[in-house]
C-alpha atoms as a PDB file:
ATOM      1  CA  MET A   1     -18.384  -8.653   2.103  1.00  0.00           C
ATOM      2  CA  ARG A   2     -18.860  -6.602   5.254  1.00  0.00           C
ATOM      3  CA  THR A   3     -18.502  -9.767   7.311  1.00  0.00           C
ATOM      4  CA  ARG A   4     -15.246 -10.648   5.608  1.00  0.00           C
ATOM      5  CA  ARG A   5     -13.874  -7.167   6.161  1.00  0.00           C
ATOM      6  CA  ASP A   6     -14.896  -7.279   9.808  1.00  0.00           C
ATOM      7  CA  ALA A   7     -13.142 -10.623  10.117  1.00  0.00           C
ATOM      8  CA  PHE A   8      -9.989  -8.972   8.850  1.00  0.00           C
ATOM      9  CA  GLY A   9     -10.302  -6.235  11.441  1.00  0.00           C
ATOM     10  CA  LEU A  10     -10.874  -8.733  14.246  1.00  0.00           C
ATOM     11  CA  ALA A  11      -7.797 -10.664  13.198  1.00  0.00           C
ATOM     12  CA  ALA A  12      -5.765  -7.471  13.505  1.00  0.00           C
ATOM     13  CA  VAL A  13      -6.905  -7.012  17.077  1.00  0.00           C
ATOM     14  CA  VAL A  14      -6.159 -10.606  18.045  1.00  0.00           C
ATOM     15  CA  LEU A  15      -2.738 -10.514  16.469  1.00  0.00           C
ATOM     16  CA  CYS A  16      -1.724  -7.295  18.197  1.00  0.00           C
ATOM     17  CA  ALA A  17      -2.732  -8.698  21.558  1.00  0.00           C
ATOM     18  CA  ALA A  18      -0.934 -12.000  21.018  1.00  0.00           C
ATOM     19  CA  MET A  19       2.165 -10.962  19.090  1.00  0.00           C
ATOM     20  CA  ALA A  20       3.627  -7.594  20.000  1.00  0.00           C
ATOM     21  CA  SER A  21       6.413  -8.197  17.535  1.00  0.00           C
ATOM     22  CA  ALA A  22       4.189  -8.722  14.507  1.00  0.00           C
ATOM     23  CA  ALA A  23       4.230  -6.235  11.668  1.00  0.00           C
ATOM     24  CA  GLY A  24       2.233  -3.115  12.335  1.00  0.00           C
ATOM     25  CA  CYS A  25       1.735  -3.863  16.058  1.00  0.00           C
ATOM     26  CA  ASN A  26       5.207  -3.283  17.451  1.00  0.00           C
ATOM     27  CA  ARG A  27       7.134  -0.020  17.657  1.00  0.00           C
ATOM     28  CA  GLY A  28      10.180  -0.440  15.486  1.00  0.00           C
ATOM     29  CA  GLN A  29      11.797  -3.634  16.770  1.00  0.00           C
ATOM     30  CA  GLU A  30      10.079  -6.108  14.491  1.00  0.00           C
ATOM     31  CA  GLN A  31      11.863  -8.944  12.759  1.00  0.00           C
ATOM     32  CA  THR A  32      11.354  -8.436   9.065  1.00  0.00           C
ATOM     33  CA  ALA A  33      10.819 -11.084   6.434  1.00  0.00           C
ATOM     34  CA  PRO A  34      13.004 -11.313   3.341  1.00  0.00           C
ATOM     35  CA  ALA A  35      10.681  -9.123   1.270  1.00  0.00           C
ATOM     36  CA  ASP A  36      10.486  -6.458   3.974  1.00  0.00           C
ATOM     37  CA  GLN A  37      13.700  -4.543   4.391  1.00  0.00           C
ATOM     38  CA  GLY A  38      12.170  -1.756   6.484  1.00  0.00           C
ATOM     39  CA  GLN A  39      13.544   1.038   4.314  1.00  0.00           C
ATOM     40  CA  VAL A  40      13.061   2.620   0.938  1.00  0.00           C
ATOM     41  CA  PRO A  41      15.189   1.023  -1.811  1.00  0.00           C
ATOM     42  CA  ASN A  42      17.973   3.032  -3.406  1.00  0.00           C
ATOM     43  CA  ALA A  43      15.519   4.923  -5.550  1.00  0.00           C
ATOM     44  CA  ASP A  44      17.896   7.631  -6.689  1.00  0.00           C
ATOM     45  CA  THR A  45      20.694   5.311  -7.804  1.00  0.00           C
ATOM     46  CA  SER A  46      19.008   2.172  -9.075  1.00  0.00           C
ATOM     47  CA  LEU A  47      17.198   3.744 -12.007  1.00  0.00           C
ATOM     48  CA  ALA A  48      18.722   7.090 -12.834  1.00  0.00           C
ATOM     49  CA  ASP A  49      22.021   6.319 -14.541  1.00  0.00           C
ATOM     50  CA  THR A  50      21.263   3.568 -17.027  1.00  0.00           C
ATOM     51  CA  GLY A  51      20.506   5.823 -20.007  1.00  0.00           C
ATOM     52  CA  ARG A  52      17.074   4.225 -20.468  1.00  0.00           C
ATOM     53  CA  LYS A  53      13.712   5.891 -20.126  1.00  0.00           C
ATOM     54  CA  HIS A  54      11.935   4.353 -17.159  1.00  0.00           C
ATOM     55  CA  PHE A  55       8.335   4.622 -16.070  1.00  0.00           C
ATOM     56  CA  VAL A  56       8.355   3.928 -12.356  1.00  0.00           C
ATOM     57  CA  ILE A  57       5.343   3.078 -10.213  1.00  0.00           C
ATOM     58  CA  ALA A  58       6.201   3.639  -6.543  1.00  0.00           C
ATOM     59  CA  PHE A  59       4.286   2.000  -3.692  1.00  0.00           C
ATOM     60  CA  LEU A  60       4.051   3.828  -0.362  1.00  0.00           C
ATOM     61  CA  GLY A  61       2.705   1.408   2.214  1.00  0.00           C
ATOM     62  CA  ASP A  62       3.202  -0.746   5.272  1.00  0.00           C
ATOM     63  CA  SER A  63       3.848  -4.469   5.759  1.00  0.00           C
ATOM     64  CA  LEU A  64       0.996  -5.380   3.399  1.00  0.00           C
ATOM     65  CA  THR A  65       2.890  -3.613   0.603  1.00  0.00           C
ATOM     66  CA  SER A  66       6.391  -4.694   1.578  1.00  0.00           C
ATOM     67  CA  GLY A  67       5.393  -8.352   1.468  1.00  0.00           C
ATOM     68  CA  TYR A  68       5.741  -9.310   5.123  1.00  0.00           C
ATOM     69  CA  GLY A  69       6.310 -13.064   5.429  1.00  0.00           C
ATOM     70  CA  LEU A  70       6.959 -13.480   1.703  1.00  0.00           C
ATOM     71  CA  VAL A  71      10.046 -13.491  -0.439  1.00  0.00           C
ATOM     72  CA  ALA A  72      10.535 -10.331  -2.464  1.00  0.00           C
ATOM     73  CA  GLN A  73       9.329 -11.913  -5.709  1.00  0.00           C
ATOM     74  CA  GLN A  74       5.951 -12.699  -4.110  1.00  0.00           C
ATOM     75  CA  ALA A  75       5.100  -9.179  -2.901  1.00  0.00           C
ATOM     76  CA  PHE A  76       2.245  -7.729  -4.918  1.00  0.00           C
ATOM     77  CA  PRO A  77       4.223  -4.735  -6.294  1.00  0.00           C
ATOM     78  CA  THR A  78       6.723  -7.135  -7.862  1.00  0.00           C
ATOM     79  CA  LEU A  79       3.884  -9.229  -9.285  1.00  0.00           C
ATOM     80  CA  ILE A  80       2.443  -6.087 -10.847  1.00  0.00           C
ATOM     81  CA  GLU A  81       5.782  -5.313 -12.481  1.00  0.00           C
ATOM     82  CA  ASN A  82       5.845  -8.842 -13.888  1.00  0.00           C
ATOM     83  CA  MET A  83       2.335  -8.356 -15.312  1.00  0.00           C
ATOM     84  CA  PHE A  84       3.452  -5.205 -17.110  1.00  0.00           C
ATOM     85  CA  HIS A  85       6.500  -6.918 -18.551  1.00  0.00           C
ATOM     86  CA  ALA A  86       4.427  -9.889 -19.686  1.00  0.00           C
ATOM     87  CA  GLU A  87       2.236  -7.506 -21.701  1.00  0.00           C
ATOM     88  CA  GLY A  88       5.172  -5.751 -23.334  1.00  0.00           C
ATOM     89  CA  TYR A  89       5.554  -2.744 -21.045  1.00  0.00           C
ATOM     90  CA  GLY A  90       9.285  -3.260 -20.834  1.00  0.00           C
ATOM     91  CA  ASP A  91      10.209   0.070 -19.259  1.00  0.00           C
ATOM     92  CA  VAL A  92       7.650  -0.027 -16.462  1.00  0.00           C
ATOM     93  CA  GLU A  93       9.335  -0.700 -13.144  1.00  0.00           C
ATOM     94  CA  VAL A  94       8.103  -0.717  -9.562  1.00  0.00           C
ATOM     95  CA  LEU A  95       9.659   0.735  -6.435  1.00  0.00           C
ATOM     96  CA  ASN A  96       8.452  -0.999  -3.287  1.00  0.00           C
ATOM     97  CA  GLY A  97       8.381   1.557  -0.479  1.00  0.00           C
ATOM     98  CA  GLY A  98       6.500  -0.626   1.985  1.00  0.00           C
ATOM     99  CA  MET A  99       7.689  -0.339   5.586  1.00  0.00           C
ATOM    100  CA  THR A 100       6.527  -2.601   8.368  1.00  0.00           C
ATOM    101  CA  GLY A 101       4.411  -0.855  10.995  1.00  0.00           C
ATOM    102  CA  ASP A 102       4.185   2.423   9.109  1.00  0.00           C
ATOM    103  CA  THR A 103       1.294   4.853   9.574  1.00  0.00           C
ATOM    104  CA  THR A 104       0.038   7.697   7.423  1.00  0.00           C
ATOM    105  CA  ALA A 105       2.174  10.017   9.563  1.00  0.00           C
ATOM    106  CA  GLY A 106       5.261   7.971   8.761  1.00  0.00           C
ATOM    107  CA  GLY A 107       4.330   7.895   5.101  1.00  0.00           C
ATOM    108  CA  LEU A 108       4.036  11.681   5.041  1.00  0.00           C
ATOM    109  CA  ARG A 109       7.530  12.003   6.501  1.00  0.00           C
ATOM    110  CA  ARG A 110       9.184   9.726   3.968  1.00  0.00           C
ATOM    111  CA  VAL A 111       7.185  10.090   0.762  1.00  0.00           C
ATOM    112  CA  GLU A 112       9.738  12.426  -0.784  1.00  0.00           C
ATOM    113  CA  GLN A 113      12.315   9.632  -0.607  1.00  0.00           C
ATOM    114  CA  LEU A 114      10.303   7.773  -3.236  1.00  0.00           C
ATOM    115  CA  LEU A 115       9.798  10.615  -5.687  1.00  0.00           C
ATOM    116  CA  ASN A 116      12.843  10.298  -7.897  1.00  0.00           C
ATOM    117  CA  PRO A 117      12.529  11.821 -11.396  1.00  0.00           C
ATOM    118  CA  ASN A 118      11.435   8.522 -12.954  1.00  0.00           C
ATOM    119  CA  VAL A 119       8.407   8.046 -10.691  1.00  0.00           C
ATOM    120  CA  ARG A 120       5.204   8.751 -12.600  1.00  0.00           C
ATOM    121  CA  ILE A 121       2.624   7.033 -10.362  1.00  0.00           C
ATOM    122  CA  LEU A 122       2.458   6.660  -6.586  1.00  0.00           C
ATOM    123  CA  VAL A 123       0.230   4.001  -5.002  1.00  0.00           C
ATOM    124  CA  ILE A 124      -0.705   4.870  -1.408  1.00  0.00           C
ATOM    125  CA  GLY A 125      -1.582   1.867   0.754  1.00  0.00           C
ATOM    126  CA  LEU A 126      -1.490   3.269   4.283  1.00  0.00           C
ATOM    127  CA  GLY A 127      -3.866   3.544   7.210  1.00  0.00           C
ATOM    128  CA  GLY A 128      -4.143   0.045   8.598  1.00  0.00           C
ATOM    129  CA  ASN A 129      -1.764   0.842  11.461  1.00  0.00           C
ATOM    130  CA  ASP A 130      -3.165   4.259  12.325  1.00  0.00           C
ATOM    131  CA  ALA A 131      -5.785   3.131  14.828  1.00  0.00           C
ATOM    132  CA  LEU A 132      -3.334   0.700  16.416  1.00  0.00           C
ATOM    133  CA  ARG A 133      -0.891   3.568  16.944  1.00  0.00           C
ATOM    134  CA  GLY A 134      -3.530   5.925  18.354  1.00  0.00           C
ATOM    135  CA  LEU A 135      -4.071   8.269  15.402  1.00  0.00           C
ATOM    136  CA  THR A 136      -7.509   9.829  15.039  1.00  0.00           C
ATOM    137  CA  VAL A 137      -9.593   9.605  11.890  1.00  0.00           C
ATOM    138  CA  LYS A 138      -8.915  13.294  11.290  1.00  0.00           C
ATOM    139  CA  GLN A 139      -5.175  12.737  11.542  1.00  0.00           C
ATOM    140  CA  THR A 140      -5.421   9.888   9.048  1.00  0.00           C
ATOM    141  CA  HIS A 141      -7.378  12.117   6.684  1.00  0.00           C
ATOM    142  CA  ASP A 142      -5.046  15.082   7.035  1.00  0.00           C
ATOM    143  CA  ASN A 143      -1.884  13.007   6.607  1.00  0.00           C
ATOM    144  CA  LEU A 144      -3.186  11.340   3.461  1.00  0.00           C
ATOM    145  CA  ALA A 145      -4.416  14.659   2.091  1.00  0.00           C
ATOM    146  CA  ALA A 146      -0.968  16.164   2.627  1.00  0.00           C
ATOM    147  CA  ILE A 147       0.679  13.212   0.866  1.00  0.00           C
ATOM    148  CA  ILE A 148      -1.687  13.514  -2.092  1.00  0.00           C
ATOM    149  CA  ASP A 149      -1.283  17.286  -2.358  1.00  0.00           C
ATOM    150  CA  GLY A 150       2.500  17.063  -2.269  1.00  0.00           C
ATOM    151  CA  VAL A 151       2.614  14.303  -4.862  1.00  0.00           C
ATOM    152  CA  ASN A 152       0.206  16.173  -7.133  1.00  0.00           C
ATOM    153  CA  ARG A 153       2.461  19.223  -7.017  1.00  0.00           C
ATOM    154  CA  SER A 154       5.248  16.961  -8.271  1.00  0.00           C
ATOM    155  CA  GLY A 155       3.151  16.025 -11.287  1.00  0.00           C
ATOM    156  CA  VAL A 156       2.916  12.376 -10.251  1.00  0.00           C
ATOM    157  CA  GLY A 157      -0.327  10.405 -10.626  1.00  0.00           C
ATOM    158  CA  VAL A 158      -1.848   8.990  -7.440  1.00  0.00           C
ATOM    159  CA  VAL A 159      -3.676   5.766  -6.613  1.00  0.00           C
ATOM    160  CA  LEU A 160      -5.306   5.768  -3.173  1.00  0.00           C
ATOM    161  CA  ALA A 161      -6.156   2.371  -1.691  1.00  0.00           C
ATOM    162  CA  GLY A 162      -8.592   2.271   1.227  1.00  0.00           C
ATOM    163  CA  MET A 163      -8.238   0.226   4.380  1.00  0.00           C
ATOM    164  CA  GLU A 164     -10.499  -1.031   7.180  1.00  0.00           C
ATOM    165  CA  ALA A 165     -10.311  -0.286  10.919  1.00  0.00           C
ATOM    166  CA  PRO A 166     -10.100  -2.936  13.660  1.00  0.00           C
ATOM    167  CA  THR A 167     -13.534  -4.037  14.823  1.00  0.00           C
ATOM    168  CA  ASN A 168     -12.910  -3.384  18.517  1.00  0.00           C
ATOM    169  CA  TYR A 169     -12.850   0.356  17.892  1.00  0.00           C
ATOM    170  CA  GLY A 170     -16.626   0.380  17.537  1.00  0.00           C
ATOM    171  CA  GLN A 171     -18.964   0.755  14.586  1.00  0.00           C
ATOM    172  CA  ASP A 172     -18.857   4.557  14.573  1.00  0.00           C
ATOM    173  CA  TYR A 173     -15.093   4.595  14.293  1.00  0.00           C
ATOM    174  CA  GLN A 174     -15.083   1.868  11.648  1.00  0.00           C
ATOM    175  CA  ASP A 175     -17.610   3.757   9.539  1.00  0.00           C
ATOM    176  CA  ALA A 176     -15.761   7.056   9.906  1.00  0.00           C
ATOM    177  CA  PHE A 177     -12.423   5.425   9.085  1.00  0.00           C
ATOM    178  CA  ARG A 178     -13.829   3.769   5.959  1.00  0.00           C
ATOM    179  CA  ALA A 179     -15.544   6.981   4.855  1.00  0.00           C
ATOM    180  CA  THR A 180     -12.294   8.933   5.146  1.00  0.00           C
ATOM    181  CA  PHE A 181     -10.844   7.277   2.067  1.00  0.00           C
ATOM    182  CA  GLY A 182     -13.939   7.966  -0.012  1.00  0.00           C
ATOM    183  CA  GLN A 183     -13.930  11.563   1.209  1.00  0.00           C
ATOM    184  CA  LEU A 184     -10.329  11.974   0.100  1.00  0.00           C
ATOM    185  CA  ALA A 185     -11.214  10.608  -3.322  1.00  0.00           C
ATOM    186  CA  GLN A 186     -13.999  13.180  -3.572  1.00  0.00           C
ATOM    187  CA  GLU A 187     -11.711  15.995  -2.485  1.00  0.00           C
ATOM    188  CA  HIS A 188      -8.995  15.004  -4.951  1.00  0.00           C
ATOM    189  CA  ARG A 189     -10.801  14.233  -8.187  1.00  0.00           C
ATOM    190  CA  ASN A 190      -7.587  13.397 -10.040  1.00  0.00           C
ATOM    191  CA  VAL A 191      -6.893  10.464  -7.699  1.00  0.00           C
ATOM    192  CA  THR A 192      -7.604   6.910  -8.813  1.00  0.00           C
ATOM    193  CA  PHE A 193      -9.488   5.324  -5.931  1.00  0.00           C
ATOM    194  CA  VAL A 194      -9.442   1.683  -4.858  1.00  0.00           C
ATOM    195  CA  PRO A 195     -11.933   1.359  -1.952  1.00  0.00           C
ATOM    196  CA  PHE A 196     -10.209  -1.584  -0.215  1.00  0.00           C
ATOM    197  CA  LEU A 197      -6.658  -2.752  -0.804  1.00  0.00           C
ATOM    198  CA  LEU A 198      -7.457  -6.251   0.441  1.00  0.00           C
ATOM    199  CA  GLU A 199     -10.651  -6.711  -1.568  1.00  0.00           C
ATOM    200  CA  GLY A 200     -11.261 -10.427  -1.993  1.00  0.00           C
ATOM    201  CA  VAL A 201      -8.393 -11.279   0.354  1.00  0.00           C
ATOM    202  CA  GLY A 202      -9.157  -9.834   3.783  1.00  0.00           C
ATOM    203  CA  GLY A 203     -11.108 -12.294   5.911  1.00  0.00           C
ATOM    204  CA  HIS A 204     -10.297 -15.283   3.678  1.00  0.00           C
ATOM    205  CA  PRO A 205      -8.079 -17.608   5.741  1.00  0.00           C
ATOM    206  CA  GLU A 206      -6.899 -19.545   2.717  1.00  0.00           C
ATOM    207  CA  LEU A 207      -5.440 -16.332   1.224  1.00  0.00           C
ATOM    208  CA  ASN A 208      -3.641 -15.146   4.337  1.00  0.00           C
ATOM    209  CA  GLN A 209      -0.755 -16.222   6.488  1.00  0.00           C
ATOM    210  CA  ALA A 210      -1.273 -17.728   9.931  1.00  0.00           C
ATOM    211  CA  ASP A 211      -1.647 -14.281  11.551  1.00  0.00           C
ATOM    212  CA  GLY A 212      -4.849 -13.724   9.570  1.00  0.00           C
ATOM    213  CA  ILE A 213      -3.680 -10.292   8.412  1.00  0.00           C
ATOM    214  CA  HIS A 214      -0.867 -10.552   5.913  1.00  0.00           C
ATOM    215  CA  PRO A 215      -1.630 -12.086   2.513  1.00  0.00           C
ATOM    216  CA  ASN A 216       0.115 -15.274   1.508  1.00  0.00           C
ATOM    217  CA  ALA A 217       1.455 -15.735  -2.014  1.00  0.00           C
ATOM    218  CA  ASP A 218      -2.018 -16.470  -3.415  1.00  0.00           C
ATOM    219  CA  GLY A 219      -3.479 -13.443  -1.634  1.00  0.00           C
ATOM    220  CA  ALA A 220      -0.734 -11.181  -2.953  1.00  0.00           C
ATOM    221  CA  ARG A 221      -1.484 -12.380  -6.464  1.00  0.00           C
ATOM    222  CA  ILE A 222      -5.162 -11.426  -6.074  1.00  0.00           C
ATOM    223  CA  ILE A 223      -4.204  -7.952  -4.859  1.00  0.00           C
ATOM    224  CA  ALA A 224      -1.914  -7.552  -7.869  1.00  0.00           C
ATOM    225  CA  GLU A 225      -4.674  -8.663 -10.240  1.00  0.00           C
ATOM    226  CA  HIS A 226      -7.067  -6.210  -8.604  1.00  0.00           C
ATOM    227  CA  LEU A 227      -4.732  -3.223  -8.941  1.00  0.00           C
ATOM    228  CA  TYR A 228      -3.169  -3.984 -12.297  1.00  0.00           C
ATOM    229  CA  PRO A 229      -5.993  -2.899 -14.661  1.00  0.00           C
ATOM    230  CA  LYS A 230      -6.221   0.538 -13.041  1.00  0.00           C
ATOM    231  CA  LEU A 231      -2.475   0.967 -13.164  1.00  0.00           C
ATOM    232  CA  ARG A 232      -2.273  -0.143 -16.775  1.00  0.00           C
ATOM    233  CA  THR A 233      -4.930   2.430 -17.711  1.00  0.00           C
ATOM    234  CA  MET A 234      -2.927   5.119 -15.946  1.00  0.00           C
ATOM    235  CA  VAL A 235       0.319   4.070 -17.598  1.00  0.00           C
ATOM    236  CA  ASP A 236      -1.367   4.192 -21.000  1.00  0.00           C
ATOM    237  CA  SER A 237      -2.845   7.641 -20.333  1.00  0.00           C
ATOM    238  CA  LEU A 238       0.551   8.969 -19.248  1.00  0.00           C
ATOM    239  CA  GLY A 239       2.352   7.529 -22.263  1.00  0.00           C
ATOM    240  CA  GLY A 240       4.397   4.967 -20.390  1.00  0.00           C
ATOM    241  CA  GLY A 241       5.712   1.566 -21.360  1.00  0.00           C
ATOM    242  CA  GLY A 242       7.226   0.331 -24.508  1.00  0.00           C
END
């Protein structure tokens, strides 16, 4: 497993060197795929005025969350919504707040945009771009901690998904980066922790697009299947669905 994760990190380095315009490696001029609109959906207007009770799961992430290179229906947040509906959770909806190239610092600045009154769970999938943008491990930790603390004060449940650092940053940095997510989970005991967002996908060429970083449709499905049981448990505990 470590080898596969390291392969994912190496692919990130190669891609950034070869394609400055790829998601997460450029600085705001990227060409987005159909599933990646580069901004938060109209969270306040799309769900609030229908008269129905909604249970919204919001996803705060980067291009991995937005579905870079995929159509919107193939992004893993949408697949998770479909899984809920297939099991009879008719009022569970997702809000995909993935933004290409985003860091934990960017996520901290925009998280409030996602927290409309219907949001009951926030899934945080950030960090993969931090090293590439020059953030320190401490900055990653502090940004994520601030996001979690702010969301907790809003009464919203939190899922924290870990990420891996590029391999060319050295073993010490990789270990410290990985440990940061576990440390946050220890510091915030009410957080549901997923150690690696790309578990079973990162480092598997057949599950990724040609860049070796972004999941293809099959990879996105595996991510959705990995996250769904934890989210369903949370929805049940918070009285959602139905």
